Amino acid sequence: MRDTNKNYFMVGYARQDAKGLAESITNSVKQVGFSKSVAEKHSYGVLERTNAPGVLIESGNINNPKNALIISNSTFIRRIVDGINNYIKK
């Protein structure tokens, strides 16, 4: 379990074909206020069993006031969508 006081954004992927998608999303949200934004490989069963590139987004903890402010902002959501669109357009 991650520390709820940390200000981080993580996109997890299980299959190598999803790494580019995870990196595109993390790159899009780097400027919204998280102290750390990373794409990490994990053994998520739900992602390993899919036929398409898939990711899980961990956008911090709403118990952390700074994270709650970031993730409730429409700019943050737009940045995630931009990251997905940038990946698709490649």
PDB file of N, CA and C in Angstrom:
ATOM      1  N   MET A   1       0.836  -1.186   0.000  1.00  0.00           N
ATOM      2  CA  MET A   1       0.000   0.000   0.000  1.00  0.00           C
ATOM      3  C   MET A   1       0.881   1.249   0.000  1.00  0.00           C
ATOM      4  N   ARG A   2       0.523   2.186  -0.842  1.00  0.00           N
ATOM      5  CA  ARG A   2       1.307   3.414  -0.942  1.00  0.00           C
ATOM      6  C   ARG A   2       0.944   4.398   0.162  1.00  0.00           C
ATOM      7  N   ASP A   3       1.886   5.256   0.477  1.00  0.00           N
ATOM      8  CA  ASP A   3       1.705   6.298   1.480  1.00  0.00           C
ATOM      9  C   ASP A   3       0.704   7.325   0.966  1.00  0.00           C
ATOM     10  N   THR A   4      -0.382   7.553   1.695  1.00  0.00           N
ATOM     11  CA  THR A   4      -1.423   8.487   1.249  1.00  0.00           C
ATOM     12  C   THR A   4      -0.963   9.940   1.294  1.00  0.00           C
ATOM     13  N   ASN A   5       0.167  10.219   1.948  1.00  0.00           N
ATOM     14  CA  ASN A   5       0.667  11.584   2.012  1.00  0.00           C
ATOM     15  C   ASN A   5       1.525  11.954   0.812  1.00  0.00           C
ATOM     16  N   LYS A   6       1.924  10.968   0.018  1.00  0.00           N
ATOM     17  CA  LYS A   6       2.760  11.253  -1.140  1.00  0.00           C
ATOM     18  C   LYS A   6       1.916  11.788  -2.276  1.00  0.00           C
ATOM     19  N   ASN A   7       2.547  12.599  -3.085  1.00  0.00           N
ATOM     20  CA  ASN A   7       1.873  13.251  -4.204  1.00  0.00           C
ATOM     21  C   ASN A   7       2.390  12.630  -5.503  1.00  0.00           C
ATOM     22  N   TYR A   8       1.776  11.540  -5.937  1.00  0.00           N
ATOM     23  CA  TYR A   8       2.278  10.807  -7.077  1.00  0.00           C
ATOM     24  C   TYR A   8       1.151  10.482  -8.068  1.00  0.00           C
ATOM     25  N   PHE A   9       1.568  10.119  -9.281  1.00  0.00           N
ATOM     26  CA  PHE A   9       0.674   9.643 -10.330  1.00  0.00           C
ATOM     27  C   PHE A   9       1.385   8.481 -10.991  1.00  0.00           C
ATOM     28  N   MET A  10       0.716   7.328 -11.074  1.00  0.00           N
ATOM     29  CA  MET A  10       1.351   6.148 -11.631  1.00  0.00           C
ATOM     30  C   MET A  10       0.407   5.482 -12.619  1.00  0.00           C
ATOM     31  N   VAL A  11       0.962   5.072 -13.759  1.00  0.00           N
ATOM     32  CA  VAL A  11       0.214   4.282 -14.722  1.00  0.00           C
ATOM     33  C   VAL A  11       0.908   2.927 -14.812  1.00  0.00           C
ATOM     34  N   GLY A  12       0.175   1.876 -14.460  1.00  0.00           N
ATOM     35  CA  GLY A  12       0.730   0.533 -14.498  1.00  0.00           C
ATOM     36  C   GLY A  12       0.331  -0.187 -15.774  1.00  0.00           C
ATOM     37  N   TYR A  13       1.251  -0.978 -16.275  1.00  0.00           N
ATOM     38  CA  TYR A  13       0.982  -1.805 -17.448  1.00  0.00           C
ATOM     39  C   TYR A  13       1.582  -3.184 -17.200  1.00  0.00           C
ATOM     40  N   ALA A  14       0.995  -4.209 -17.816  1.00  0.00           N
ATOM     41  CA  ALA A  14       1.490  -5.569 -17.616  1.00  0.00           C
ATOM     42  C   ALA A  14       2.190  -6.108 -18.853  1.00  0.00           C
ATOM     43  N   ARG A  15       1.719  -5.703 -20.011  1.00  0.00           N
ATOM     44  CA  ARG A  15       2.283  -6.212 -21.261  1.00  0.00           C
ATOM     45  C   ARG A  15       3.115  -5.134 -21.934  1.00  0.00           C
ATOM     46  N   GLN A  16       4.168  -5.558 -22.606  1.00  0.00           N
ATOM     47  CA  GLN A  16       5.093  -4.627 -23.247  1.00  0.00           C
ATOM     48  C   GLN A  16       4.403  -3.742 -24.288  1.00  0.00           C
ATOM     49  N   ASP A  17       3.365  -4.258 -24.954  1.00  0.00           N
ATOM     50  CA  ASP A  17       2.683  -3.467 -25.974  1.00  0.00           C
ATOM     51  C   ASP A  17       1.885  -2.302 -25.385  1.00  0.00           C
ATOM     52  N   ALA A  18       1.759  -2.244 -24.063  1.00  0.00           N
ATOM     53  CA  ALA A  18       1.048  -1.145 -23.408  1.00  0.00           C
ATOM     54  C   ALA A  18       1.996  -0.100 -22.814  1.00  0.00           C
ATOM     55  N   LYS A  19       3.288  -0.350 -22.870  1.00  0.00           N
ATOM     56  CA  LYS A  19       4.264   0.579 -22.281  1.00  0.00           C
ATOM     57  C   LYS A  19       4.166   1.967 -22.907  1.00  0.00           C
ATOM     58  N   GLY A  20       4.050   2.040 -24.224  1.00  0.00           N
ATOM     59  CA  GLY A  20       3.945   3.335 -24.898  1.00  0.00           C
ATOM     60  C   GLY A  20       2.717   4.111 -24.469  1.00  0.00           C
ATOM     61  N   LEU A  21       1.594   3.418 -24.287  1.00  0.00           N
ATOM     62  CA  LEU A  21       0.371   4.068 -23.820  1.00  0.00           C
ATOM     63  C   LEU A  21       0.571   4.617 -22.408  1.00  0.00           C
ATOM     64  N   ALA A  22       1.143   3.811 -21.530  1.00  0.00           N
ATOM     65  CA  ALA A  22       1.390   4.251 -20.154  1.00  0.00           C
ATOM     66  C   ALA A  22       2.311   5.470 -20.118  1.00  0.00           C
ATOM     67  N   GLU A  23       3.366   5.453 -20.912  1.00  0.00           N
ATOM     68  CA  GLU A  23       4.303   6.581 -20.948  1.00  0.00           C
ATOM     69  C   GLU A  23       3.649   7.831 -21.541  1.00  0.00           C
ATOM     70  N   SER A  24       2.816   7.664 -22.546  1.00  0.00           N
ATOM     71  CA  SER A  24       2.134   8.813 -23.146  1.00  0.00           C
ATOM     72  C   SER A  24       1.219   9.499 -22.125  1.00  0.00           C
ATOM     73  N   ILE A  25       0.517   8.705 -21.329  1.00  0.00           N
ATOM     74  CA  ILE A  25      -0.367   9.276 -20.309  1.00  0.00           C
ATOM     75  C   ILE A  25       0.444   9.979 -19.228  1.00  0.00           C
ATOM     76  N   THR A  26       1.510   9.339 -18.727  1.00  0.00           N
ATOM     77  CA  THR A  26       2.303   9.986 -17.673  1.00  0.00           C
ATOM     78  C   THR A  26       2.966  11.259 -18.178  1.00  0.00           C
ATOM     79  N   ASN A  27       3.419  11.267 -19.414  1.00  0.00           N
ATOM     80  CA  ASN A  27       4.019  12.484 -19.969  1.00  0.00           C
ATOM     81  C   ASN A  27       3.008  13.617 -20.071  1.00  0.00           C
ATOM     82  N   SER A  28       1.766  13.289 -20.349  1.00  0.00           N
ATOM     83  CA  SER A  28       0.733  14.322 -20.476  1.00  0.00           C
ATOM     84  C   SER A  28       0.371  14.971 -19.144  1.00  0.00           C
ATOM     85  N   VAL A  29       0.497  14.246 -18.051  1.00  0.00           N
ATOM     86  CA  VAL A  29       0.081  14.803 -16.756  1.00  0.00           C
ATOM     87  C   VAL A  29       1.229  15.352 -15.923  1.00  0.00           C
ATOM     88  N   LYS A  30       2.438  15.342 -16.452  1.00  0.00           N
ATOM     89  CA  LYS A  30       3.597  15.781 -15.668  1.00  0.00           C
ATOM     90  C   LYS A  30       3.478  17.207 -15.130  1.00  0.00           C
ATOM     91  N   GLN A  31       2.784  18.068 -15.806  1.00  0.00           N
ATOM     92  CA  GLN A  31       2.737  19.477 -15.418  1.00  0.00           C
ATOM     93  C   GLN A  31       1.513  19.869 -14.589  1.00  0.00           C
ATOM     94  N   VAL A  32       0.746  18.918 -14.077  1.00  0.00           N
ATOM     95  CA  VAL A  32      -0.466  19.281 -13.344  1.00  0.00           C
ATOM     96  C   VAL A  32      -0.293  19.350 -11.832  1.00  0.00           C
ATOM     97  N   GLY A  33       0.906  19.079 -11.311  1.00  0.00           N
ATOM     98  CA  GLY A  33       1.146  19.273  -9.890  1.00  0.00           C
ATOM     99  C   GLY A  33       1.585  18.057  -9.101  1.00  0.00           C
ATOM    100  N   PHE A  34       1.705  16.899  -9.722  1.00  0.00           N
ATOM    101  CA  PHE A  34       2.213  15.734  -9.007  1.00  0.00           C
ATOM    102  C   PHE A  34       3.727  15.840  -8.874  1.00  0.00           C
ATOM    103  N   SER A  35       4.259  15.402  -7.745  1.00  0.00           N
ATOM    104  CA  SER A  35       5.708  15.436  -7.556  1.00  0.00           C
ATOM    105  C   SER A  35       6.391  14.303  -8.314  1.00  0.00           C
ATOM    106  N   LYS A  36       5.639  13.245  -8.617  1.00  0.00           N
ATOM    107  CA  LYS A  36       6.194  12.102  -9.326  1.00  0.00           C
ATOM    108  C   LYS A  36       5.130  11.567 -10.278  1.00  0.00           C
ATOM    109  N   SER A  37       5.543  11.305 -11.505  1.00  0.00           N
ATOM    110  CA  SER A  37       4.639  10.763 -12.515  1.00  0.00           C
ATOM    111  C   SER A  37       5.397   9.687 -13.275  1.00  0.00           C
ATOM    112  N   VAL A  38       4.985   8.407 -13.109  1.00  0.00           N
ATOM    113  CA  VAL A  38       5.749   7.304 -13.700  1.00  0.00           C
ATOM    114  C   VAL A  38       4.853   6.265 -14.360  1.00  0.00           C
ATOM    115  N   ALA A  39       5.452   5.568 -15.334  1.00  0.00           N
ATOM    116  CA  ALA A  39       4.852   4.379 -15.936  1.00  0.00           C
ATOM    117  C   ALA A  39       5.654   3.194 -15.415  1.00  0.00           C
ATOM    118  N   GLU A  40       4.980   2.206 -14.838  1.00  0.00           N
ATOM    119  CA  GLU A  40       5.668   1.069 -14.239  1.00  0.00           C
ATOM    120  C   GLU A  40       5.046  -0.246 -14.686  1.00  0.00           C
ATOM    121  N   LYS A  41       5.891  -1.235 -14.901  1.00  0.00           N
ATOM    122  CA  LYS A  41       5.418  -2.571 -15.252  1.00  0.00           C
ATOM    123  C   LYS A  41       5.036  -3.314 -13.979  1.00  0.00           C
ATOM    124  N   HIS A  42       3.842  -3.919 -13.992  1.00  0.00           N
ATOM    125  CA  HIS A  42       3.334  -4.687 -12.858  1.00  0.00           C
ATOM    126  C   HIS A  42       2.642  -5.940 -13.377  1.00  0.00           C
ATOM    127  N   SER A  43       2.456  -6.901 -12.532  1.00  0.00           N
ATOM    128  CA  SER A  43       1.765  -8.141 -12.908  1.00  0.00           C
ATOM    129  C   SER A  43       0.286  -8.037 -12.543  1.00  0.00           C
ATOM    130  N   TYR A  44      -0.440  -7.259 -13.299  1.00  0.00           N
ATOM    131  CA  TYR A  44      -1.871  -7.124 -13.092  1.00  0.00           C
ATOM    132  C   TYR A  44      -2.592  -8.151 -13.966  1.00  0.00           C
ATOM    133  N   GLY A  45      -3.231  -9.109 -13.350  1.00  0.00           N
ATOM    134  CA  GLY A  45      -3.915 -10.156 -14.086  1.00  0.00           C
ATOM    135  C   GLY A  45      -4.932  -9.622 -15.076  1.00  0.00           C
ATOM    136  N   VAL A  46      -5.670  -8.609 -14.675  1.00  0.00           N
ATOM    137  CA  VAL A  46      -6.696  -8.051 -15.552  1.00  0.00           C
ATOM    138  C   VAL A  46      -6.080  -7.473 -16.832  1.00  0.00           C
ATOM    139  N   LEU A  47      -4.863  -6.985 -16.775  1.00  0.00           N
ATOM    140  CA  LEU A  47      -4.198  -6.432 -17.954  1.00  0.00           C
ATOM    141  C   LEU A  47      -3.466  -7.506 -18.754  1.00  0.00           C
ATOM    142  N   GLU A  48      -3.030  -8.548 -18.091  1.00  0.00           N
ATOM    143  CA  GLU A  48      -2.318  -9.623 -18.784  1.00  0.00           C
ATOM    144  C   GLU A  48      -3.246 -10.469 -19.642  1.00  0.00           C
ATOM    145  N   ARG A  49      -4.527 -10.469 -19.322  1.00  0.00           N
ATOM    146  CA  ARG A  49      -5.483 -11.326 -20.018  1.00  0.00           C
ATOM    147  C   ARG A  49      -6.249 -10.631 -21.138  1.00  0.00           C
ATOM    148  N   THR A  50      -5.909  -9.405 -21.428  1.00  0.00           N
ATOM    149  CA  THR A  50      -6.614  -8.673 -22.479  1.00  0.00           C
ATOM    150  C   THR A  50      -5.881  -8.809 -23.811  1.00  0.00           C
ATOM    151  N   ASN A  51      -6.612  -8.615 -24.898  1.00  0.00           N
ATOM    152  CA  ASN A  51      -6.017  -8.690 -26.231  1.00  0.00           C
ATOM    153  C   ASN A  51      -5.559  -7.325 -26.742  1.00  0.00           C
ATOM    154  N   ALA A  52      -5.800  -6.296 -25.996  1.00  0.00           N
ATOM    155  CA  ALA A  52      -5.433  -4.940 -26.402  1.00  0.00           C
ATOM    156  C   ALA A  52      -4.503  -4.333 -25.354  1.00  0.00           C
ATOM    157  N   PRO A  53      -3.722  -3.320 -25.752  1.00  0.00           N
ATOM    158  CA  PRO A  53      -2.892  -2.642 -24.744  1.00  0.00           C
ATOM    159  C   PRO A  53      -3.789  -2.049 -23.655  1.00  0.00           C
ATOM    160  N   GLY A  54      -3.471  -2.310 -22.417  1.00  0.00           N
ATOM    161  CA  GLY A  54      -4.278  -1.800 -21.318  1.00  0.00           C
ATOM    162  C   GLY A  54      -3.413  -1.257 -20.200  1.00  0.00           C
ATOM    163  N   VAL A  55      -3.944  -0.290 -19.472  1.00  0.00           N
ATOM    164  CA  VAL A  55      -3.235   0.313 -18.348  1.00  0.00           C
ATOM    165  C   VAL A  55      -4.188   0.506 -17.172  1.00  0.00           C
ATOM    166  N   LEU A  56      -3.626   0.614 -15.990  1.00  0.00           N
ATOM    167  CA  LEU A  56      -4.357   1.000 -14.791  1.00  0.00           C
ATOM    168  C   LEU A  56      -3.748   2.298 -14.283  1.00  0.00           C
ATOM    169  N   ILE A  57      -4.596   3.273 -14.028  1.00  0.00           N
ATOM    170  CA  ILE A  57      -4.127   4.585 -13.583  1.00  0.00           C
ATOM    171  C   ILE A  57      -4.352   4.725 -12.082  1.00  0.00           C
ATOM    172  N   GLU A  58      -3.277   5.047 -11.368  1.00  0.00           N
ATOM    173  CA  GLU A  58      -3.359   5.335  -9.940  1.00  0.00           C
ATOM    174  C   GLU A  58      -3.043   6.815  -9.782  1.00  0.00           C
ATOM    175  N   SER A  59      -4.070   7.582  -9.531  1.00  0.00           N
ATOM    176  CA  SER A  59      -3.913   9.041  -9.557  1.00  0.00           C
ATOM    177  C   SER A  59      -3.794   9.654  -8.179  1.00  0.00           C
ATOM    178  N   GLY A  60      -3.192   8.950  -7.280  1.00  0.00           N
ATOM    179  CA  GLY A  60      -3.014   9.499  -5.951  1.00  0.00           C
ATOM    180  C   GLY A  60      -4.145   9.080  -5.036  1.00  0.00           C
ATOM    181  N   ASN A  61      -4.273   9.752  -3.930  1.00  0.00           N
ATOM    182  CA  ASN A  61      -5.239   9.391  -2.910  1.00  0.00           C
ATOM    183  C   ASN A  61      -6.086  10.597  -2.559  1.00  0.00           C
ATOM    184  N   ILE A  62      -7.398  10.455  -2.591  1.00  0.00           N
ATOM    185  CA  ILE A  62      -8.258  11.608  -2.303  1.00  0.00           C
ATOM    186  C   ILE A  62      -8.169  12.048  -0.844  1.00  0.00           C
ATOM    187  N   ASN A  63      -7.577  11.231   0.024  1.00  0.00           N
ATOM    188  CA  ASN A  63      -7.354  11.645   1.407  1.00  0.00           C
ATOM    189  C   ASN A  63      -6.213  12.651   1.524  1.00  0.00           C
ATOM    190  N   ASN A  64      -5.392  12.751   0.486  1.00  0.00           N
ATOM    191  CA  ASN A  64      -4.317  13.735   0.445  1.00  0.00           C
ATOM    192  C   ASN A  64      -4.904  14.998  -0.176  1.00  0.00           C
ATOM    193  N   PRO A  65      -4.973  16.098   0.566  1.00  0.00           N
ATOM    194  CA  PRO A  65      -5.618  17.314   0.050  1.00  0.00           C
ATOM    195  C   PRO A  65      -5.032  17.817  -1.272  1.00  0.00           C
ATOM    196  N   LYS A  66      -3.722  17.711  -1.442  1.00  0.00           N
ATOM    197  CA  LYS A  66      -3.103  18.170  -2.687  1.00  0.00           C
ATOM    198  C   LYS A  66      -3.547  17.279  -3.855  1.00  0.00           C
ATOM    199  N   ASN A  67      -3.549  15.963  -3.650  1.00  0.00           N
ATOM    200  CA  ASN A  67      -4.016  15.051  -4.692  1.00  0.00           C
ATOM    201  C   ASN A  67      -5.482  15.279  -5.015  1.00  0.00           C
ATOM    202  N   ALA A  68      -6.305  15.459  -3.991  1.00  0.00           N
ATOM    203  CA  ALA A  68      -7.742  15.669  -4.209  1.00  0.00           C
ATOM    204  C   ALA A  68      -7.983  16.910  -5.062  1.00  0.00           C
ATOM    205  N   LEU A  69      -7.222  17.962  -4.831  1.00  0.00           N
ATOM    206  CA  LEU A  69      -7.354  19.183  -5.615  1.00  0.00           C
ATOM    207  C   LEU A  69      -6.966  18.950  -7.073  1.00  0.00           C
ATOM    208  N   ILE A  70      -5.886  18.214  -7.296  1.00  0.00           N
ATOM    209  CA  ILE A  70      -5.420  17.939  -8.662  1.00  0.00           C
ATOM    210  C   ILE A  70      -6.426  17.088  -9.421  1.00  0.00           C
ATOM    211  N   ILE A  71      -6.845  15.975  -8.827  1.00  0.00           N
ATOM    212  CA  ILE A  71      -7.682  15.033  -9.569  1.00  0.00           C
ATOM    213  C   ILE A  71      -9.119  15.503  -9.735  1.00  0.00           C
ATOM    214  N   SER A  72      -9.527  16.520  -9.006  1.00  0.00           N
ATOM    215  CA  SER A  72     -10.879  17.063  -9.182  1.00  0.00           C
ATOM    216  C   SER A  72     -10.910  18.173 -10.238  1.00  0.00           C
ATOM    217  N   ASN A  73      -9.762  18.530 -10.765  1.00  0.00           N
ATOM    218  CA  ASN A  73      -9.659  19.588 -11.761  1.00  0.00           C
ATOM    219  C   ASN A  73      -9.865  19.019 -13.168  1.00  0.00           C
ATOM    220  N   SER A  74     -10.679  19.658 -13.967  1.00  0.00           N
ATOM    221  CA  SER A  74     -10.963  19.166 -15.324  1.00  0.00           C
ATOM    222  C   SER A  74      -9.712  19.159 -16.204  1.00  0.00           C
ATOM    223  N   THR A  75      -8.728  20.002 -15.911  1.00  0.00           N
ATOM    224  CA  THR A  75      -7.481  20.001 -16.676  1.00  0.00           C
ATOM    225  C   THR A  75      -6.768  18.664 -16.521  1.00  0.00           C
ATOM    226  N   PHE A  76      -6.799  18.105 -15.338  1.00  0.00           N
ATOM    227  CA  PHE A  76      -6.171  16.814 -15.084  1.00  0.00           C
ATOM    228  C   PHE A  76      -6.807  15.721 -15.949  1.00  0.00           C
ATOM    229  N   ILE A  77      -8.115  15.669 -15.972  1.00  0.00           N
ATOM    230  CA  ILE A  77      -8.825  14.679 -16.785  1.00  0.00           C
ATOM    231  C   ILE A  77      -8.503  14.891 -18.262  1.00  0.00           C
ATOM    232  N   ARG A  78      -8.473  16.141 -18.695  1.00  0.00           N
ATOM    233  CA  ARG A  78      -8.161  16.449 -20.095  1.00  0.00           C
ATOM    234  C   ARG A  78      -6.758  15.957 -20.453  1.00  0.00           C
ATOM    235  N   ARG A  79      -5.806  16.083 -19.527  1.00  0.00           N
ATOM    236  CA  ARG A  79      -4.441  15.633 -19.783  1.00  0.00           C
ATOM    237  C   ARG A  79      -4.369  14.119 -19.962  1.00  0.00           C
ATOM    238  N   ILE A  80      -5.156  13.377 -19.188  1.00  0.00           N
ATOM    239  CA  ILE A  80      -5.197  11.920 -19.356  1.00  0.00           C
ATOM    240  C   ILE A  80      -5.741  11.576 -20.739  1.00  0.00           C
ATOM    241  N   VAL A  81      -6.825  12.235 -21.118  1.00  0.00           N
ATOM    242  CA  VAL A  81      -7.414  12.002 -22.447  1.00  0.00           C
ATOM    243  C   VAL A  81      -6.420  12.381 -23.542  1.00  0.00           C
ATOM    244  N   ASP A  82      -5.716  13.486 -23.372  1.00  0.00           N
ATOM    245  CA  ASP A  82      -4.705  13.897 -24.351  1.00  0.00           C
ATOM    246  C   ASP A  82      -3.615  12.836 -24.499  1.00  0.00           C
ATOM    247  N   GLY A  83      -3.191  12.257 -23.386  1.00  0.00           N
ATOM    248  CA  GLY A  83      -2.170  11.218 -23.432  1.00  0.00           C
ATOM    249  C   GLY A  83      -2.637   9.993 -24.213  1.00  0.00           C
ATOM    250  N   ILE A  84      -3.892   9.617 -24.023  1.00  0.00           N
ATOM    251  CA  ILE A  84      -4.456   8.485 -24.767  1.00  0.00           C
ATOM    252  C   ILE A  84      -4.547   8.828 -26.243  1.00  0.00           C
ATOM    253  N   ASN A  85      -5.050  10.023 -26.539  1.00  0.00           N
ATOM    254  CA  ASN A  85      -5.168  10.451 -27.951  1.00  0.00           C
ATOM    255  C   ASN A  85      -3.818  10.529 -28.639  1.00  0.00           C
ATOM    256  N   ASN A  86      -2.802  11.040 -27.939  1.00  0.00           N
ATOM    257  CA  ASN A  86      -1.464  11.120 -28.513  1.00  0.00           C
ATOM    258  C   ASN A  86      -0.927   9.738 -28.862  1.00  0.00           C
ATOM    259  N   TYR A  87      -1.205   8.775 -28.018  1.00  0.00           N
ATOM    260  CA  TYR A  87      -0.764   7.401 -28.267  1.00  0.00           C
ATOM    261  C   TYR A  87      -1.493   6.827 -29.499  1.00  0.00           C
ATOM    262  N   ILE A  88      -2.783   7.047 -29.577  1.00  0.00           N
ATOM    263  CA  ILE A  88      -3.584   6.516 -30.682  1.00  0.00           C
ATOM    264  C   ILE A  88      -3.153   7.124 -32.020  1.00  0.00           C
ATOM    265  N   LYS A  89      -2.812   8.406 -32.023  1.00  0.00           N
ATOM    266  CA  LYS A  89      -2.454   9.104 -33.264  1.00  0.00           C
ATOM    267  C   LYS A  89      -1.089   8.719 -33.793  1.00  0.00           C
ATOM    268  N   LYS A  90      -0.257   8.037 -33.033  1.00  0.00           N
ATOM    269  CA  LYS A  90       1.092   7.661 -33.476  1.00  0.00           C
ATOM    270  C   LYS A  90       1.041   6.676 -34.614  1.00  0.00           C
TER     271      LYS A  90
END
